[in-house]
Structure formats: structure tokens, C-alpha cells
């Protein structure tokens, strides 16, 4: 009994007194005034900052913004893009939907354990009815509906495009169409448009602006960079804006920002999670045995969108980082080599290192990213051969480990996996490498 009383008390106190609430600054709901924090007083590196800005400009960035304790410490716009310019979030807006679903559950409009068919009706997919009725809202939030992401257009929300592949909960796959239909669920459950529900529960409460627009099949959110930063600040403070609690259900908030299923450790409720030791990528069933963004803090959570729309939230450092713009390179995935490149440079700006002695693996691949070759450091005597695979699991190289350097200059830009095998052919180490050429 005492155990349950303590848990209830802890939940109650956490909901009322969120972590960091008294030490965070919240900008006014209207106007352009936003407190800043001195870059030099923070002890950050101004030379590394200038190098970072050059890198961002080279990578087609339009807006870049960092909040420290809620205050602006870096804010930079490139080209014709300005503070009030509007840009799309792409898949980074999935995190807005996750928050709104939690709010709708708290308001009694739905339960995430409800079947999706309760709101969309029978035959919203082409799956057998028995299989369709196993899909719940939670499966949509966790990308585990079992619907086939390998169809010709994985954005298509027509029933004919939603094909059964596996039982709900048994397979993780980044399926845009299954996610997009959460907006339909919200509108049916609340009897409000997605824009109205967002306005009432986010915009007017936090000073956010922005609107959802239907682009082909997708619901796409457009806003300023500062609006994205405001949402990040709300998440940093666990769903509380200043003294106004927008989401009381801290159980849902914790589920949203922690591993949500046992297949992809780095995925919550539509949020990407760092520091989990392994992850999966969209359009791939391969598991990478490394952190999502190795140079970034372990507790980072991320809203990631196509063409490198980024919102990073780092509770341990009270940071919110926003990047908007065009694609930084050839990758169209929400997660790209840009994430690690950016955080390597951010660590130089902040004069910090996120790598501790006990985090260093038994092997290291360097330089990483690389344009010509990679070298595998600290190989133990058991390693006999290696293979290089792309994110689809296709083996591109397979050689004996009788050389210290491995050429990668014939590989396309992208993320690859290096697999090391012992003489029995057993996989003993895995590392990720990024190939990046200008």
C-alpha cells in the first residue's frame, strides 16, 4: 500500500512541480521581445560559433536558433529568410500530433488503447478485418501498425494503399500514412478541426503561431523558427508553459519521450531518442547497434523532419536547438549524417564533450564522417573479416581484415554499417560510419 501511495505522490508532485520550472525563462505570449543570454558569459567558443555558422550556410540552412534556460543564446537567419519567415516542419510535426493525442486522452476524447477503427470505421485499411481491428492509436504513435511501408507511396492514406504485412505490435516501420491518419482520429474524436484543436491547446497557451496545411496526403505544419523553439521549451518543461500546465498526464509524457516498444529502442511516441544503444531507420529493417546521434547528449530527444528540419531538446543542459532549411545533402531521411556533423560542431561551440570513458566502445571508426577511407581502431585479436552494409542490409564490401584502412571513396554519401566477424564467421562488433563528400 505504501508503495502505491508513494508512486501516486510522486506522480502528483511531478505534475505540479515540473523539473526546471523555476529556472527556465518563458517569453511573453505576444510581441517579439525574448530575453537573451550572453554568449561570452556562458563561456562558449565564439570562433567555433563562426565556423558553425559557415557550416550551416554551406548546408542550406535558413534558420538556426538555440535556447539556453529558455533564453536565446544563438539566433541566425540566412539569405532572404528572416525571423518572421515561415517554413515547414515536415515529419518534425509528428511530435505536435503526439502531444495533441495525449491532450485528447487527458480531455476524455479518446484512449490510446482504442482501436483506430472506433474513429475511422471498418475497412479503413485493405487488411483483413480481424487484423485491422488489432490496430490501436498506440500502434500509430509507435509506428507498429504492421501495415506495409514498402508500398509504392507510403504517404497514401487510401484504404487500398494500407496493406497488411504483420500483426500490429510485431514490427516497427516508419510508415507515414499510418501516422497521418492520427489527424483524422483527432478530428473525429474531438469534433474539431486539427487547426482548431492545435490553436486551443498549444498556440494560445504558448504564443506559438503556425497552421496545418494538407499537402497531397500529408498534414504539414508551417511556422516560424521561434514557434518551433517555443514548442521545444514546452517539452523541455514537461508540458508546462511557465505556470500553465498544458498536459497534466505525466505518465503519458514519460511514455512519449521514452522507448515505446521493444523493437526500435530509439523511438517514443513519434519522438526520436538518443542514448539508447541501437536504432532503426525509415525504410529499413536493419538495427544499428550504436546511439542515434553519438556526439549528442544521451538524454537528447528529437523531432526530425525531411530535408533536415530539426528540433532537439536536451533536458540535462536545458537546451532547445532548432534548424530549418533545405536538405543539407543527398539524404532524404529524417535522420541523416547532418545530425552527427552538427552536434560535433555544437560541442566545439559549447566547449563540451559528451563522450566519457565508459561510453567508448571497443572499436572506433575514424575519420567519421569520411570521404576517402576509414580506419578501424582497437580491433582485438578475434577479428578475422569485415563487411560494409548500407541501411537496407545490402552487403557492399566483404574482405579479410589484413589492412588498417578501408577505402570508401566508391560509396555514395550516406550512413553505412561496418560489421566485424571472428574466424568462425560470427558477428562480434558493429559500428556506424558516415560517408560524406562535397
Protein backbone atom coordinates (compact mmCIF):
# COMPACT_ATOMS: atom_id res chain seq x y z
CA UNK A 1 0.00 0.00 0.00
CA UNK A 2 2.83 2.39 0.88
CA UNK A 3 4.40 1.67 -2.49
CA UNK A 4 1.26 2.79 -4.33
CA UNK A 5 0.84 5.88 -2.15
CA UNK A 6 4.44 6.89 -2.81
CA UNK A 7 4.01 6.41 -6.57
CA UNK A 8 0.82 8.48 -6.52
CA UNK A 9 2.50 11.23 -4.51
CA UNK A 10 5.47 11.24 -6.87
CA UNK A 11 3.24 11.48 -9.92
CA UNK A 12 1.20 14.28 -8.33
CA UNK A 13 4.22 16.29 -7.28
CA UNK A 14 5.91 15.88 -10.66
CA UNK A 15 2.84 17.12 -12.48
CA UNK A 16 2.59 20.24 -10.32
CA UNK A 17 6.30 20.97 -9.91
CA UNK A 18 7.97 20.02 -13.21
CA UNK A 19 11.72 19.72 -13.34
CA UNK A 20 13.49 23.02 -14.12
CA UNK A 21 10.27 25.08 -13.97
CA UNK A 22 11.66 27.74 -11.67
CA UNK A 23 14.96 28.11 -13.53
CA UNK A 24 13.53 28.39 -17.04
CA UNK A 25 12.58 31.63 -18.75
CA UNK A 26 9.39 31.81 -20.80
CA UNK A 27 8.95 34.60 -23.36
CA UNK A 28 5.74 36.68 -23.46
CA UNK A 29 2.85 35.19 -25.39
CA UNK A 30 2.74 38.19 -27.75
CA UNK A 31 5.31 40.51 -29.27
CA UNK A 32 8.89 39.90 -30.34
CA UNK A 33 10.68 40.52 -27.03
CA UNK A 34 12.61 37.44 -25.94
CA UNK A 35 15.32 37.53 -23.29
CA UNK A 36 18.82 36.61 -24.36
CA UNK A 37 21.80 35.18 -22.51
CA UNK A 38 25.33 36.47 -23.07
CA UNK A 39 27.36 34.16 -25.28
CA UNK A 40 30.66 35.20 -23.71
CA UNK A 41 29.34 34.99 -20.15
CA UNK A 42 28.26 31.43 -20.87
CA UNK A 43 31.87 30.59 -21.74
CA UNK A 44 31.08 29.34 -25.22
CA UNK A 45 33.60 29.49 -28.05
CA UNK A 46 32.99 32.41 -30.44
CA UNK A 47 35.50 31.13 -33.02
CA UNK A 48 33.72 27.75 -33.15
CA UNK A 49 30.40 29.64 -33.42
CA UNK A 50 31.60 31.46 -36.55
CA UNK A 51 32.76 28.14 -38.01
CA UNK A 52 29.37 26.64 -37.18
CA UNK A 53 27.56 29.46 -38.98
CA UNK A 54 29.71 28.90 -42.07
CA UNK A 55 28.89 25.19 -41.94
CA UNK A 56 25.16 25.89 -41.57
CA UNK A 57 25.17 28.26 -44.52
CA UNK A 58 27.01 25.71 -46.66
CA UNK A 59 24.36 23.16 -45.68
CA UNK A 60 21.47 25.29 -46.99
CA UNK A 61 20.19 26.34 -43.58
CA UNK A 62 17.53 29.06 -43.40
CA UNK A 63 17.12 29.44 -39.63
CA UNK A 64 19.15 28.31 -36.63
CA UNK A 65 18.28 29.02 -33.02
CA UNK A 66 19.44 27.83 -29.59
CA UNK A 67 17.70 28.43 -26.28
CA UNK A 68 19.67 28.07 -23.04
CA UNK A 69 17.43 28.00 -19.95
CA UNK A 70 14.68 29.33 -22.24
CA UNK A 71 16.66 32.40 -23.30
CA UNK A 72 18.10 32.92 -26.78
CA UNK A 73 21.85 32.41 -26.89
CA UNK A 74 22.18 31.92 -30.66
CA UNK A 75 19.80 33.06 -33.42
CA UNK A 76 20.85 33.28 -37.05
CA UNK A 77 18.97 33.59 -40.32
CA UNK A 78 20.49 33.03 -43.74
CA UNK A 79 19.84 34.58 -47.14
CA UNK A 80 16.40 36.18 -47.50
CA UNK A 81 14.97 34.17 -44.60
CA UNK A 82 14.06 36.33 -41.57
CA UNK A 83 12.75 35.94 -38.03
CA UNK A 84 9.11 36.06 -39.18
CA UNK A 85 9.60 33.87 -42.26
CA UNK A 86 7.51 30.71 -42.45
CA UNK A 87 8.83 27.21 -43.18
CA UNK A 88 7.53 23.66 -42.98
CA UNK A 89 8.31 21.20 -40.17
CA UNK A 90 7.82 18.08 -42.33
CA UNK A 91 7.93 14.97 -40.09
CA UNK A 92 9.17 17.02 -37.12
CA UNK A 93 5.49 17.96 -36.75
CA UNK A 94 4.71 14.37 -35.80
CA UNK A 95 5.71 15.40 -32.28
CA UNK A 96 2.97 18.06 -32.25
CA UNK A 97 0.49 15.30 -33.06
CA UNK A 98 1.86 13.11 -30.27
CA UNK A 99 1.34 15.94 -27.78
CA UNK A 100 -2.20 16.61 -29.03
CA UNK A 101 -3.14 12.93 -28.79
CA UNK A 102 -2.00 12.95 -25.16
CA UNK A 103 -4.08 16.06 -24.54
CA UNK A 104 -7.12 14.50 -26.21
CA UNK A 105 -6.76 11.43 -23.99
CA UNK A 106 -6.48 13.64 -20.91
CA UNK A 107 -9.61 15.52 -22.01
CA UNK A 108 -11.52 12.24 -22.29
CA UNK A 109 -11.99 12.32 -26.05
CA UNK A 110 -10.10 9.09 -26.67
CA UNK A 111 -7.81 6.46 -25.18
CA UNK A 112 -4.65 5.40 -26.94
CA UNK A 113 -5.69 1.80 -26.31
CA UNK A 114 -8.77 2.37 -28.50
CA UNK A 115 -8.80 0.69 -31.88
CA UNK A 116 -8.33 3.07 -34.78
CA UNK A 117 -11.48 1.60 -36.32
CA UNK A 118 -13.51 3.14 -33.49
CA UNK A 119 -12.88 6.54 -35.09
CA UNK A 120 -12.25 5.76 -38.76
CA UNK A 121 -14.80 2.98 -39.15
CA UNK A 122 -14.37 -0.52 -40.53
CA UNK A 123 -12.30 -1.12 -43.66
CA UNK A 124 -10.11 1.97 -43.32
CA UNK A 125 -7.35 -0.36 -44.50
CA UNK A 126 -7.15 -3.18 -47.03
CA UNK A 127 -6.16 -5.58 -44.25
CA UNK A 128 -8.43 -8.44 -43.21
CA UNK A 129 -10.95 -7.08 -40.72
CA UNK A 130 -9.63 -9.30 -37.95
CA UNK A 131 -6.13 -7.83 -38.42
CA UNK A 132 -7.37 -4.27 -38.87
CA UNK A 133 -9.24 -4.43 -35.58
CA UNK A 134 -5.98 -5.14 -33.75
CA UNK A 135 -4.53 -1.73 -34.70
CA UNK A 136 -4.81 0.84 -31.92
CA UNK A 137 -3.95 4.53 -31.60
CA UNK A 138 -0.88 3.49 -29.62
CA UNK A 139 0.32 1.43 -32.58
CA UNK A 140 0.01 4.54 -34.76
CA UNK A 141 2.02 6.56 -32.22
CA UNK A 142 4.78 3.95 -32.07
CA UNK A 143 4.95 3.07 -35.80
CA UNK A 144 3.96 -0.52 -35.10
CA UNK A 145 0.66 -0.84 -37.01
CA UNK A 146 2.00 -3.75 -39.09
CA UNK A 147 0.85 -2.03 -42.29
CA UNK A 148 3.23 -2.28 -45.22
CA UNK A 149 5.60 0.71 -45.53
CA UNK A 150 7.01 -0.77 -48.73
CA UNK A 151 4.01 0.13 -50.89
CA UNK A 152 4.56 2.39 -53.90
CA UNK A 153 3.57 5.52 -51.92
CA UNK A 154 3.90 5.18 -48.14
CA UNK A 155 2.18 8.58 -47.72
CA UNK A 156 -1.01 7.36 -49.40
CA UNK A 157 -3.88 7.16 -46.87
CA UNK A 158 -6.40 5.47 -49.19
CA UNK A 159 -7.57 2.10 -47.91
CA UNK A 160 -6.10 0.40 -50.98
CA UNK A 161 -2.63 1.69 -50.01
CA UNK A 162 -2.83 0.38 -46.45
CA UNK A 163 -1.84 -3.25 -46.90
CA UNK A 164 -1.45 -5.82 -44.13
CA UNK A 165 2.11 -7.08 -43.65
CA UNK A 166 2.34 -8.15 -39.99
CA UNK A 167 0.22 -8.18 -36.86
CA UNK A 168 0.03 -4.86 -35.06
CA UNK A 169 2.79 -4.55 -32.45
CA UNK A 170 5.07 -7.13 -34.04
CA UNK A 171 7.01 -4.92 -36.47
CA UNK A 172 8.41 -1.37 -36.34
CA UNK A 173 8.32 0.56 -39.61
CA UNK A 174 8.35 4.30 -40.26
CA UNK A 175 5.04 4.46 -42.11
CA UNK A 176 3.84 7.99 -42.90
CA UNK A 177 0.30 7.09 -43.93
CA UNK A 178 -0.50 5.26 -40.70
CA UNK A 179 0.75 8.28 -38.74
CA UNK A 180 -1.11 10.83 -40.89
CA UNK A 181 -4.43 9.19 -40.09
CA UNK A 182 -3.94 10.18 -36.45
CA UNK A 183 -5.13 13.65 -37.51
CA UNK A 184 -8.38 12.06 -38.72
CA UNK A 185 -8.68 10.23 -35.41
CA UNK A 186 -8.20 13.50 -33.52
CA UNK A 187 -10.76 15.37 -35.60
CA UNK A 188 -13.40 12.64 -35.22
CA UNK A 189 -12.74 12.17 -31.51
CA UNK A 190 -12.76 15.89 -30.61
CA UNK A 191 -15.25 17.03 -33.26
CA UNK A 192 -12.81 19.86 -34.01
CA UNK A 193 -10.51 20.56 -36.90
CA UNK A 194 -6.84 19.84 -36.37
CA UNK A 195 -6.04 23.55 -36.64
CA UNK A 196 -8.67 24.50 -34.06
CA UNK A 197 -7.54 21.86 -31.56
CA UNK A 198 -3.92 22.96 -32.05
CA UNK A 199 -4.88 26.61 -31.61
CA UNK A 200 -6.82 25.97 -28.40
CA UNK A 201 -4.32 23.62 -26.75
CA UNK A 202 -0.94 24.89 -27.96
CA UNK A 203 -0.92 28.19 -29.81
CA UNK A 204 -2.90 30.41 -27.44
CA UNK A 205 -1.23 28.82 -24.42
CA UNK A 206 2.39 29.23 -25.55
CA UNK A 207 2.40 32.09 -28.05
CA UNK A 208 3.06 29.65 -30.89
CA UNK A 209 1.84 30.57 -34.35
CA UNK A 210 1.50 28.33 -37.36
CA UNK A 211 -1.08 26.29 -39.24
CA UNK A 212 -1.57 22.82 -40.64
CA UNK A 213 -2.00 22.52 -44.41
CA UNK A 214 -2.92 19.45 -46.41
CA UNK A 215 -0.15 18.75 -48.91
CA UNK A 216 -1.14 15.77 -51.06
CA UNK A 217 -1.89 13.14 -48.39
CA UNK A 218 0.19 14.73 -45.63
CA UNK A 219 -0.81 17.14 -42.89
CA UNK A 220 2.08 19.62 -42.89
CA UNK A 221 2.70 22.26 -40.21
CA UNK A 222 4.17 25.63 -41.17
CA UNK A 223 5.54 28.18 -38.71
CA UNK A 224 8.47 30.40 -37.76
CA UNK A 225 11.66 29.06 -36.18
CA UNK A 226 10.72 30.78 -32.91
CA UNK A 227 7.43 28.87 -32.83
CA UNK A 228 9.35 25.62 -33.12
CA UNK A 229 11.58 26.82 -30.28
CA UNK A 230 8.52 27.60 -28.14
CA UNK A 231 7.28 24.05 -28.59
CA UNK A 232 10.72 22.75 -27.65
CA UNK A 233 10.64 24.85 -24.49
CA UNK A 234 7.25 23.41 -23.59
CA UNK A 235 8.63 19.88 -23.99
CA UNK A 236 11.76 20.80 -22.01
CA UNK A 237 9.45 21.74 -19.12
CA UNK A 238 7.41 18.52 -19.39
CA UNK A 239 4.25 20.03 -20.86
CA UNK A 240 4.08 23.12 -18.63
CA UNK A 241 4.33 26.64 -20.04
CA UNK A 242 5.55 28.89 -17.24
CA UNK A 243 2.88 28.19 -14.58
CA UNK A 244 0.24 26.88 -17.01
CA UNK A 245 0.10 23.07 -17.18
CA UNK A 246 -0.96 22.14 -20.69
CA UNK A 247 -0.58 18.39 -20.19
CA UNK A 248 -1.16 17.09 -16.67
CA UNK A 249 -0.76 13.44 -17.62
CA UNK A 250 2.91 12.92 -16.81
CA UNK A 251 2.56 9.19 -17.34
CA UNK A 252 1.72 9.85 -20.99
CA UNK A 253 4.53 12.43 -21.25
CA UNK A 254 7.07 9.88 -19.96
CA UNK A 255 5.80 7.24 -22.38
CA UNK A 256 6.00 9.75 -25.24
CA UNK A 257 9.66 10.60 -24.56
CA UNK A 258 10.98 7.12 -23.69
CA UNK A 259 11.31 3.86 -25.62
CA UNK A 260 7.74 2.96 -26.60
CA UNK A 261 8.13 -0.64 -27.83
CA UNK A 262 10.75 -3.39 -27.79
CA UNK A 263 11.75 -3.25 -31.47
CA UNK A 264 13.27 0.20 -32.04
CA UNK A 265 14.81 1.42 -28.78
CA UNK A 266 15.28 4.95 -30.14
CA UNK A 267 11.61 5.69 -30.79
CA UNK A 268 8.98 7.00 -28.39
CA UNK A 269 5.58 8.33 -29.35
CA UNK A 270 6.71 9.95 -32.64
CA UNK A 271 9.84 11.34 -30.91
CA UNK A 272 13.37 10.11 -31.70
CA UNK A 273 15.53 9.27 -28.68
CA UNK A 274 19.29 9.36 -28.26
CA UNK A 275 21.46 7.28 -25.91
CA UNK A 276 19.55 4.01 -26.32
CA UNK A 277 22.38 1.92 -27.81
CA UNK A 278 20.59 0.93 -31.00
CA UNK A 279 18.14 2.32 -33.54
CA UNK A 280 16.36 1.64 -36.80
CA UNK A 281 15.94 3.95 -39.79
CA UNK A 282 12.96 4.63 -42.05
CA UNK A 283 12.60 2.22 -44.98
CA UNK A 284 14.93 -0.26 -43.33
CA UNK A 285 14.55 -3.24 -41.01
CA UNK A 286 18.24 -3.19 -40.08
CA UNK A 287 19.17 -2.47 -36.46
CA UNK A 288 22.18 -0.21 -35.92
CA UNK A 289 23.97 -1.01 -32.66
CA UNK A 290 25.00 2.49 -31.71
CA UNK A 291 23.31 5.61 -30.38
CA UNK A 292 21.09 7.60 -32.68
CA UNK A 293 23.41 10.67 -32.68
CA UNK A 294 26.67 9.60 -31.00
CA UNK A 295 28.16 13.11 -30.48
CA UNK A 296 24.95 14.40 -28.86
CA UNK A 297 23.98 14.14 -25.16
CA UNK A 298 22.43 10.81 -24.19
CA UNK A 299 19.19 12.40 -22.96
CA UNK A 300 18.52 14.29 -26.20
CA UNK A 301 15.10 13.80 -27.75
CA UNK A 302 14.46 14.97 -31.29
CA UNK A 303 11.74 15.96 -33.71
CA UNK A 304 13.21 15.13 -37.12
CA UNK A 305 11.78 16.07 -40.49
CA UNK A 306 12.58 15.58 -44.16
CA UNK A 307 15.28 17.85 -45.58
CA UNK A 308 16.82 18.28 -42.14
CA UNK A 309 14.13 20.09 -40.20
CA UNK A 310 15.41 19.63 -36.64
CA UNK A 311 14.16 20.26 -33.12
CA UNK A 312 16.47 18.94 -30.38
CA UNK A 313 15.58 19.07 -26.68
CA UNK A 314 18.31 18.35 -24.10
CA UNK A 315 16.96 18.35 -20.51
CA UNK A 316 20.36 17.84 -18.84
CA UNK A 317 21.70 21.02 -20.41
CA UNK A 318 18.37 22.90 -20.60
CA UNK A 319 18.88 23.35 -24.33
CA UNK A 320 16.48 23.70 -27.24
CA UNK A 321 18.04 23.68 -30.72
CA UNK A 322 16.15 24.48 -33.95
CA UNK A 323 17.32 24.12 -37.53
CA UNK A 324 15.11 24.89 -40.54
CA UNK A 325 16.08 24.88 -44.20
CA UNK A 326 16.65 22.85 -47.32
CA UNK A 327 18.30 19.45 -47.31
CA UNK A 328 21.91 19.54 -46.12
CA UNK A 329 22.95 16.82 -48.54
CA UNK A 330 21.67 13.91 -50.58
CA UNK A 331 19.83 12.09 -47.81
CA UNK A 332 16.06 12.49 -47.71
CA UNK A 333 15.63 10.62 -44.42
CA UNK A 334 14.51 12.45 -41.29
CA UNK A 335 17.74 11.22 -39.67
CA UNK A 336 20.88 11.95 -41.67
CA UNK A 337 24.62 12.34 -41.25
CA UNK A 338 23.91 16.04 -40.72
CA UNK A 339 22.78 15.33 -37.14
CA UNK A 340 26.19 13.99 -36.08
CA UNK A 341 28.05 16.65 -38.05
CA UNK A 342 26.03 19.39 -36.40
CA UNK A 343 26.47 18.05 -32.88
CA UNK A 344 30.20 17.62 -33.35
CA UNK A 345 30.36 21.33 -34.14
CA UNK A 346 27.95 22.27 -31.36
CA UNK A 347 30.17 20.51 -28.83
CA UNK A 348 33.06 22.68 -30.03
CA UNK A 349 30.93 25.81 -29.58
CA UNK A 350 29.87 24.81 -26.07
CA UNK A 351 33.34 23.56 -25.13
CA UNK A 352 31.79 20.26 -24.06
CA UNK A 353 32.34 16.61 -24.82
CA UNK A 354 29.60 14.03 -24.48
CA UNK A 355 31.97 11.05 -24.63
CA UNK A 356 33.01 9.60 -21.30
CA UNK A 357 35.48 6.79 -20.73
CA UNK A 358 32.79 4.22 -20.07
CA UNK A 359 30.96 5.18 -23.27
CA UNK A 360 33.88 4.41 -25.58
CA UNK A 361 33.23 1.17 -27.47
CA UNK A 362 35.87 -1.48 -28.10
CA UNK A 363 36.17 -0.30 -31.69
CA UNK A 364 36.12 3.12 -33.27
CA UNK A 365 35.77 4.08 -36.89
CA UNK A 366 37.61 7.22 -37.97
CA UNK A 367 37.61 9.66 -39.59
CA UNK A 368 33.85 9.79 -39.27
CA UNK A 369 32.39 11.27 -41.45
CA UNK A 370 34.87 10.20 -44.11
CA UNK A 371 35.31 10.97 -47.80
CA UNK A 372 38.12 8.59 -48.79
CA UNK A 373 38.83 5.85 -46.26
CA UNK A 374 38.00 4.64 -42.78
CA UNK A 375 40.32 3.10 -40.24
CA UNK A 376 39.16 0.70 -37.55
CA UNK A 377 40.86 1.36 -34.24
CA UNK A 378 41.35 -1.04 -31.34
CA UNK A 379 40.48 -4.26 -33.17
CA UNK A 380 41.06 -7.22 -30.89
CA UNK A 381 42.76 -10.45 -31.97
CA UNK A 382 39.47 -12.25 -32.68
CA UNK A 383 38.53 -10.13 -35.69
CA UNK A 384 39.03 -12.03 -38.95
CA UNK A 385 36.97 -10.19 -41.59
CA UNK A 386 34.70 -7.23 -42.10
CA UNK A 387 31.68 -6.24 -44.16
CA UNK A 388 30.16 -2.90 -45.05
CA UNK A 389 26.39 -2.73 -45.44
CA UNK A 390 24.02 0.03 -46.48
CA UNK A 391 20.88 0.83 -44.46
CA UNK A 392 18.81 -1.70 -46.41
CA UNK A 393 21.13 -4.52 -45.28
CA UNK A 394 22.82 -4.93 -48.68
CA UNK A 395 26.47 -6.04 -48.35
CA UNK A 396 28.76 -3.74 -50.35
CA UNK A 397 32.20 -4.91 -49.16
CA UNK A 398 33.30 -8.19 -47.62
CA UNK A 399 37.05 -8.62 -47.00
CA UNK A 400 39.65 -10.05 -44.70
CA UNK A 401 40.93 -7.67 -42.02
CA UNK A 402 44.51 -7.62 -43.23
CA UNK A 403 44.65 -3.87 -43.73
CA UNK A 404 44.40 -0.91 -41.40
CA UNK A 405 42.50 1.29 -43.84
CA UNK A 406 39.35 0.54 -45.81
CA UNK A 407 38.56 2.60 -48.91
CA UNK A 408 35.07 4.10 -49.04
CA UNK A 409 35.62 6.52 -51.91
CA UNK A 410 33.39 4.48 -54.22
CA UNK A 411 30.41 4.60 -51.86
CA UNK A 412 27.64 7.17 -52.20
CA UNK A 413 27.11 9.74 -49.46
CA UNK A 414 25.14 8.18 -46.65
CA UNK A 415 25.17 6.11 -43.48
CA UNK A 416 26.74 2.64 -43.50
CA UNK A 417 27.35 -0.15 -41.03
CA UNK A 418 30.71 -1.82 -40.52
CA UNK A 419 30.41 -5.41 -39.31
CA UNK A 420 33.40 -7.27 -37.85
CA UNK A 421 33.48 -11.07 -37.75
CA UNK A 422 35.66 -13.62 -35.98
CA UNK A 423 37.24 -16.60 -37.75
CA UNK A 424 34.09 -18.66 -37.16
CA UNK A 425 32.12 -16.07 -39.11
CA UNK A 426 30.25 -14.79 -36.05
CA UNK A 427 29.47 -11.06 -35.88
CA UNK A 428 31.28 -9.66 -32.84
CA UNK A 429 31.32 -5.88 -33.32
CA UNK A 430 29.19 -3.35 -35.17
CA UNK A 431 29.94 0.31 -35.83
CA UNK A 432 28.30 3.03 -37.86
CA UNK A 433 30.17 5.22 -40.34
CA UNK A 434 29.13 8.14 -42.49
CA UNK A 435 30.47 8.75 -45.98
CA UNK A 436 30.33 12.40 -46.92
CA UNK A 437 31.96 14.06 -49.87
CA UNK A 438 31.39 17.63 -51.02
